[in-house]
Amino acid sequence: MKILITGSSGQIGTNVALALQARGDRVLGLDKRPNSWTSKIETRVIDLTRCAADDLPADRWDAVVHLAANAKVFELVEHPDRAMDNVVMLFTVLDFCRKRGVPIIFGSSREVYGDIHQHVTDEASADFVVAESPYSASKLAGEAFIYSYAQCYDLPYLVFRFSNVYGRYDNDLDRMERVTPLFLRRIARDEPIVVYGREKVFDFTYIDDCVAGITAGIDALVSGRVTMQTINLAFGQGSTLVDLVNILSLALGKKPRVTFEPSRVGEVTRYVADISKARELLNYNPQHPLSDGLPRYVEWSRGVGAI
């Protein structure tokens, strides 16, 4: 297959591209920056907020995987224009898919559910009326465009709602201060960390599980076996930020210097995914709880000299 991946220099994009190439698929990545992790992915540097659909590579693609986004929730509270950029990027790619008749996979987020206090969230629970941050609004808008193009132009799609994906190629703190690599680096260096929200519960997803779900989705979408579906991709169990700190500390052999503050504006405080649809449609079977995935991430980080 020939797959076009936007956001190919990010964590998920890099892992998906390498996995597809390893099984023999051809991949072209689009990103506004070169890939800092590997030279194995053919990448075209392009800013999707400053181009049109006709500027994208006109090849016979089997599918487009759209992962490009500004993804730090609190950062987009401070800079809401970056949330609008997410919508513009998606529209450019979506219109390309419409004109070329190419199926699309859209990387959405658990943020579309808002601040949910129930135990498990299924795909029908997203509230398109109330968005709790500009980032969640950008993902809700993106999904709305996807669904409208499916209705009006019969464009095949899958929407994946990711949840706290961590693992390889996830420590680019100069670009994005994500909680797991941030805590990893600071604990490893005996630096203080602040947990914003002791009560937060999230569904942390190890990168290999995420990639397995996406590649299964690509195969199902291209074959026509599964289309027009919105699917949670997560581990399916909740863990607190305190769990995250404790497991990282054990894996590093360090005692954390941690203080606690209230959650910040726009941040979700509880999310546990219902992954039954992914299991049913894609035979998705995540293998890595936080207690297994974090030590793997620590080992990889040591191997590349990130800590």
Protein backbone atom coordinates (compact mmCIF):
# COMPACT_ATOMS: atom_id res chain seq x y z
CA MET A 1 0.00 0.00 0.00
CA LYS A 2 0.93 3.66 -0.39
CA ILE A 3 0.13 5.75 2.65
CA LEU A 4 0.42 9.51 3.13
CA ILE A 5 0.97 10.54 6.77
CA THR A 6 0.67 14.11 8.00
CA GLY A 7 2.43 14.97 11.24
CA SER A 8 4.94 12.26 10.34
CA SER A 9 7.70 13.79 12.47
CA GLY A 10 5.68 13.51 15.67
CA GLN A 11 5.60 10.60 18.07
CA ILE A 12 2.66 8.66 16.65
CA GLY A 13 3.47 9.55 13.05
CA THR A 14 7.07 8.37 13.35
CA ASN A 15 6.09 5.05 14.91
CA VAL A 16 3.27 4.39 12.44
CA ALA A 17 5.46 5.24 9.43
CA LEU A 18 8.26 2.93 10.57
CA ALA A 19 5.80 0.12 11.31
CA LEU A 20 4.20 0.41 7.86
CA GLN A 21 7.58 0.49 6.13
CA ALA A 22 8.73 -2.54 8.12
CA ARG A 23 5.90 -4.58 6.65
CA GLY A 24 6.58 -3.37 3.09
CA ASP A 25 4.26 -0.40 2.60
CA ARG A 26 5.41 2.81 0.93
CA VAL A 27 5.08 5.88 3.14
CA LEU A 28 5.46 9.58 2.47
CA GLY A 29 5.41 11.90 5.45
CA LEU A 30 4.28 15.53 5.52
CA ASP A 31 5.36 17.76 8.38
CA LYS A 32 6.37 21.36 8.96
CA ARG A 33 9.69 20.18 10.40
CA PRO A 34 12.15 17.41 9.51
CA ASN A 35 12.02 14.20 11.52
CA SER A 36 14.51 14.53 14.38
CA TRP A 37 14.44 10.81 15.20
CA THR A 38 15.11 8.98 11.96
CA SER A 39 16.12 9.50 8.34
CA LYS A 40 14.29 6.35 7.25
CA ILE A 41 10.99 8.11 6.57
CA GLU A 42 10.72 10.04 3.29
CA THR A 43 9.44 13.42 4.43
CA ARG A 44 8.28 16.51 2.61
CA VAL A 45 8.51 19.64 4.72
CA ILE A 46 5.28 21.59 4.28
CA ASP A 47 3.12 23.88 6.44
CA LEU A 48 -0.46 22.66 6.07
CA THR A 49 -1.80 25.99 7.34
CA ARG A 50 -0.19 27.81 4.41
CA CYS A 51 -1.05 25.62 1.44
CA ALA A 52 -4.05 24.38 -0.51
CA ALA A 53 -5.27 20.88 -1.24
CA ASP A 54 -3.76 21.04 -4.73
CA ASP A 55 -0.32 21.66 -3.21
CA LEU A 56 -0.20 18.19 -1.63
CA PRO A 57 1.53 15.28 -3.40
CA ALA A 58 -0.72 14.11 -6.24
CA ASP A 59 -0.05 10.39 -6.20
CA ARG A 60 -2.37 7.37 -6.08
CA TRP A 61 -2.61 7.00 -2.32
CA ASP A 62 -4.47 4.12 -0.69
CA ALA A 63 -5.14 6.18 2.44
CA VAL A 64 -4.19 9.38 4.23
CA VAL A 65 -3.46 9.28 7.95
CA HIS A 66 -3.94 12.80 9.30
CA LEU A 67 -2.06 13.24 12.57
CA ALA A 68 -0.76 16.80 12.19
CA ALA A 69 -1.97 19.00 15.07
CA ASN A 70 -0.98 21.36 17.83
CA ALA A 71 -1.72 19.05 20.71
CA LYS A 72 -0.85 20.60 24.09
CA VAL A 73 -4.14 21.46 25.80
CA PHE A 74 -3.04 24.23 28.15
CA GLU A 75 -0.75 25.74 25.51
CA LEU A 76 -3.77 26.15 23.23
CA VAL A 77 -5.67 27.81 26.07
CA GLU A 78 -2.91 30.41 26.10
CA HIS A 79 -2.64 30.51 22.27
CA PRO A 80 -6.10 29.70 20.84
CA ASP A 81 -4.99 30.61 17.33
CA ARG A 82 -3.09 27.32 17.31
CA ALA A 83 -6.38 25.49 17.79
CA MET A 84 -7.72 27.21 14.70
CA ASP A 85 -4.61 26.03 12.86
CA ASN A 86 -5.69 22.46 13.66
CA VAL A 87 -8.99 23.06 11.86
CA VAL A 88 -7.26 24.66 8.86
CA MET A 89 -4.80 21.76 8.53
CA LEU A 90 -7.58 19.18 8.65
CA PHE A 91 -9.67 21.08 6.09
CA THR A 92 -6.74 21.22 3.66
CA VAL A 93 -6.10 17.49 3.95
CA LEU A 94 -9.79 16.58 3.91
CA ASP A 95 -10.40 18.54 0.73
CA PHE A 96 -7.40 16.82 -0.83
CA CYS A 97 -8.99 13.48 0.02
CA ARG A 98 -12.32 14.60 -1.45
CA LYS A 99 -10.76 15.66 -4.73
CA ARG A 100 -8.62 12.52 -5.01
CA GLY A 101 -11.13 10.03 -3.63
CA VAL A 102 -8.71 8.87 -0.92
CA PRO A 103 -9.96 7.38 2.39
CA ILE A 104 -8.85 9.27 5.49
CA ILE A 105 -7.95 8.32 9.05
CA PHE A 106 -8.23 11.25 11.45
CA GLY A 107 -6.33 11.37 14.73
CA SER A 108 -8.81 12.80 17.22
CA SER A 109 -8.59 12.85 21.02
CA ARG A 110 -10.26 11.85 24.25
CA GLU A 111 -10.55 15.61 24.84
CA VAL A 112 -13.75 15.61 22.76
CA TYR A 113 -15.54 13.99 25.72
CA GLY A 114 -14.81 16.92 28.01
CA ASP A 115 -14.50 16.50 31.76
CA ILE A 116 -16.32 13.21 32.22
CA HIS A 117 -16.86 11.88 35.74
CA GLN A 118 -18.38 8.55 34.79
CA HIS A 119 -16.24 5.43 34.89
CA VAL A 120 -16.08 4.53 31.20
CA THR A 121 -16.59 6.70 28.13
CA ASP A 122 -17.90 5.18 24.89
CA GLU A 123 -17.88 6.72 21.43
CA ALA A 124 -21.43 8.06 21.72
CA SER A 125 -20.61 10.24 24.75
CA ALA A 126 -18.85 13.17 23.07
CA ASP A 127 -20.71 16.45 23.56
CA PHE A 128 -20.58 18.61 20.44
CA VAL A 129 -22.30 21.47 22.29
CA VAL A 130 -19.80 21.99 25.10
CA ALA A 131 -16.06 22.13 24.37
CA GLU A 132 -13.92 22.63 27.45
CA SER A 133 -10.81 23.97 25.71
CA PRO A 134 -9.79 25.37 22.32
CA TYR A 135 -7.94 22.09 21.66
CA SER A 136 -11.06 19.99 22.27
CA ALA A 137 -13.04 22.43 20.12
CA SER A 138 -10.54 21.94 17.29
CA LYS A 139 -10.94 18.16 17.45
CA LEU A 140 -14.73 18.40 17.64
CA ALA A 141 -14.67 20.70 14.61
CA GLY A 142 -12.38 18.28 12.80
CA GLU A 143 -14.70 15.36 13.45
CA ALA A 144 -17.70 17.43 12.30
CA PHE A 145 -15.94 18.17 9.00
CA ILE A 146 -15.10 14.47 8.59
CA TYR A 147 -18.71 13.43 9.15
CA SER A 148 -20.03 16.12 6.81
CA TYR A 149 -17.68 15.04 4.00
CA ALA A 150 -18.77 11.45 4.47
CA GLN A 151 -22.40 12.54 4.15
CA CYS A 152 -21.97 14.90 1.21
CA TYR A 153 -19.20 13.20 -0.76
CA ASP A 154 -19.34 9.58 0.43
CA LEU A 155 -15.74 9.89 1.64
CA PRO A 156 -14.63 6.77 3.58
CA TYR A 157 -13.10 7.53 6.98
CA LEU A 158 -12.10 6.24 10.37
CA VAL A 159 -11.76 8.55 13.36
CA PHE A 160 -9.47 7.37 16.15
CA ARG A 161 -9.76 9.05 19.54
CA PHE A 162 -6.35 8.69 21.19
CA SER A 163 -5.71 8.85 24.92
CA ASN A 164 -2.39 9.84 26.53
CA VAL A 165 -0.14 7.97 24.13
CA TYR A 166 3.42 7.52 25.42
CA GLY A 167 6.59 5.65 24.51
CA ARG A 168 9.29 5.83 21.83
CA TYR A 169 9.97 9.21 20.20
CA ASP A 170 8.04 11.04 22.91
CA ASN A 171 10.55 13.30 24.61
CA ASP A 172 10.74 16.33 22.33
CA LEU A 173 10.21 18.78 25.20
CA ASP A 174 11.59 21.71 23.23
CA ARG A 175 8.57 21.42 20.96
CA MET A 176 5.84 20.14 23.29
CA GLU A 177 5.90 19.69 27.07
CA ARG A 178 3.93 16.44 27.40
CA VAL A 179 3.41 15.12 30.91
CA THR A 180 5.00 11.66 30.64
CA PRO A 181 8.35 12.68 29.07
CA LEU A 182 8.41 15.79 31.26
CA PHE A 183 8.06 13.76 34.46
CA LEU A 184 10.50 11.16 33.17
CA ARG A 185 13.24 13.68 32.49
CA ARG A 186 12.78 15.67 35.68
CA ILE A 187 12.63 12.64 37.97
CA ALA A 188 15.73 11.20 36.27
CA ARG A 189 17.56 14.48 36.93
CA ASP A 190 16.31 14.82 40.52
CA GLU A 191 14.42 17.96 39.52
CA PRO A 192 11.10 18.95 41.12
CA ILE A 193 7.82 18.18 39.37
CA VAL A 194 4.34 19.59 39.83
CA VAL A 195 1.26 17.39 39.48
CA TYR A 196 -1.67 19.55 38.41
CA GLY A 197 -4.55 17.53 39.80
CA ARG A 198 -3.82 14.72 42.25
CA GLU A 199 -7.30 13.34 41.48
CA LYS A 200 -6.84 13.07 37.71
CA VAL A 201 -7.46 9.65 36.16
CA PHE A 202 -6.36 9.00 32.58
CA ASP A 203 -6.22 6.06 30.20
CA PHE A 204 -2.53 5.88 29.27
CA THR A 205 -1.79 4.11 25.97
CA TYR A 206 1.59 2.60 25.14
CA ILE A 207 2.76 3.47 21.64
CA ASP A 208 2.91 -0.13 20.39
CA ASP A 209 -0.76 -0.63 21.25
CA CYS A 210 -1.67 2.63 19.52
CA VAL A 211 0.27 1.68 16.38
CA ALA A 212 -1.33 -1.77 16.30
CA GLY A 213 -4.76 -0.17 16.35
CA ILE A 214 -3.92 2.36 13.63
CA THR A 215 -2.37 -0.21 11.27
CA ALA A 216 -5.35 -2.51 11.76
CA GLY A 217 -7.57 0.47 10.97
CA ILE A 218 -5.62 1.26 7.79
CA ASP A 219 -6.02 -2.31 6.57
CA ALA A 220 -9.73 -2.37 7.42
CA LEU A 221 -10.40 1.01 5.80
CA VAL A 222 -8.48 0.33 2.58
CA SER A 223 -10.15 -3.06 2.15
CA GLY A 224 -13.57 -1.51 2.79
CA ARG A 225 -14.22 -3.91 5.66
CA VAL A 226 -14.63 -1.12 8.23
CA THR A 227 -15.51 2.44 7.27
CA MET A 228 -17.45 5.42 8.63
CA GLN A 229 -16.60 4.60 12.25
CA THR A 230 -15.34 6.55 15.27
CA ILE A 231 -13.25 4.38 17.56
CA ASN A 232 -11.51 4.84 20.91
CA LEU A 233 -7.88 3.69 20.94
CA ALA A 234 -6.62 3.36 24.51
CA PHE A 235 -5.68 0.70 27.04
CA GLY A 236 -9.13 0.62 28.63
CA GLN A 237 -8.10 1.14 32.26
CA GLY A 238 -7.57 4.29 34.31
CA SER A 239 -4.45 5.36 36.17
CA THR A 240 -3.79 8.47 38.23
CA LEU A 241 -0.95 10.91 37.75
CA VAL A 242 0.30 9.67 41.12
CA ASP A 243 0.50 6.17 39.58
CA LEU A 244 2.47 7.64 36.69
CA VAL A 245 4.95 9.31 39.07
CA ASN A 246 5.34 6.21 41.25
CA ILE A 247 5.93 3.78 38.38
CA LEU A 248 8.42 6.11 36.70
CA SER A 249 10.25 6.55 40.00
CA LEU A 250 10.51 2.79 40.51
CA ALA A 251 11.75 2.24 36.96
CA LEU A 252 14.35 5.00 37.38
CA GLY A 253 15.34 4.05 40.91
CA LYS A 254 14.71 7.63 42.06
CA LYS A 255 12.68 9.33 44.76
CA PRO A 256 10.48 12.00 43.15
CA ARG A 257 10.44 15.59 44.37
CA VAL A 258 6.74 16.17 43.76
CA THR A 259 4.26 18.85 44.77
CA PHE A 260 0.56 19.05 43.95
CA GLU A 261 -1.51 21.90 42.53
CA PRO A 262 -5.13 22.12 41.32
CA SER A 263 -5.91 21.21 37.72
CA ARG A 264 -5.44 24.03 35.23
CA VAL A 265 -8.08 25.69 33.10
CA GLY A 266 -9.33 23.55 30.22
CA GLU A 267 -7.80 20.29 31.44
CA VAL A 268 -9.80 17.08 31.63
CA THR A 269 -9.57 15.41 35.04
CA ARG A 270 -11.04 11.96 34.34
CA TYR A 271 -11.17 9.69 31.30
CA VAL A 272 -11.33 5.92 30.94
CA ALA A 273 -12.12 4.59 27.47
CA ASP A 274 -14.60 1.98 26.37
CA ILE A 275 -12.53 0.07 23.78
CA SER A 276 -15.12 -2.59 22.97
CA LYS A 277 -15.70 -1.20 19.46
CA ALA A 278 -11.97 -1.38 18.68
CA ARG A 279 -11.89 -4.95 19.95
CA GLU A 280 -14.92 -5.93 17.87
CA LEU A 281 -14.12 -4.16 14.59
CA LEU A 282 -10.32 -4.27 14.53
CA ASN A 283 -9.48 -7.20 16.80
CA TYR A 284 -7.67 -4.63 18.94
CA ASN A 285 -6.08 -6.17 22.02
CA PRO A 286 -3.76 -3.79 23.91
CA GLN A 287 -0.90 -5.58 25.65
CA HIS A 288 0.83 -2.94 27.76
CA PRO A 289 -0.54 -1.60 31.05
CA LEU A 290 1.25 1.39 32.55
CA SER A 291 3.30 -0.92 34.79
CA ASP A 292 4.76 -2.56 31.67
CA GLY A 293 4.86 0.34 29.22
CA LEU A 294 6.63 2.88 31.42
CA PRO A 295 9.66 0.65 32.14
CA ARG A 296 9.93 0.04 28.38
CA TYR A 297 9.84 3.79 27.81
CA VAL A 298 12.52 4.35 30.46
CA GLU A 299 14.74 1.69 28.86
CA TRP A 300 14.33 3.26 25.40
CA SER A 301 15.06 6.74 26.80
CA ARG A 302 18.27 5.51 28.37
CA GLY A 303 19.27 3.81 25.13
CA VAL A 304 19.00 7.03 23.11
CA GLY A 305 20.59 9.18 25.82
CA ALA A 306 17.42 11.12 26.54
CA ILE A 307 17.90 10.73 30.30
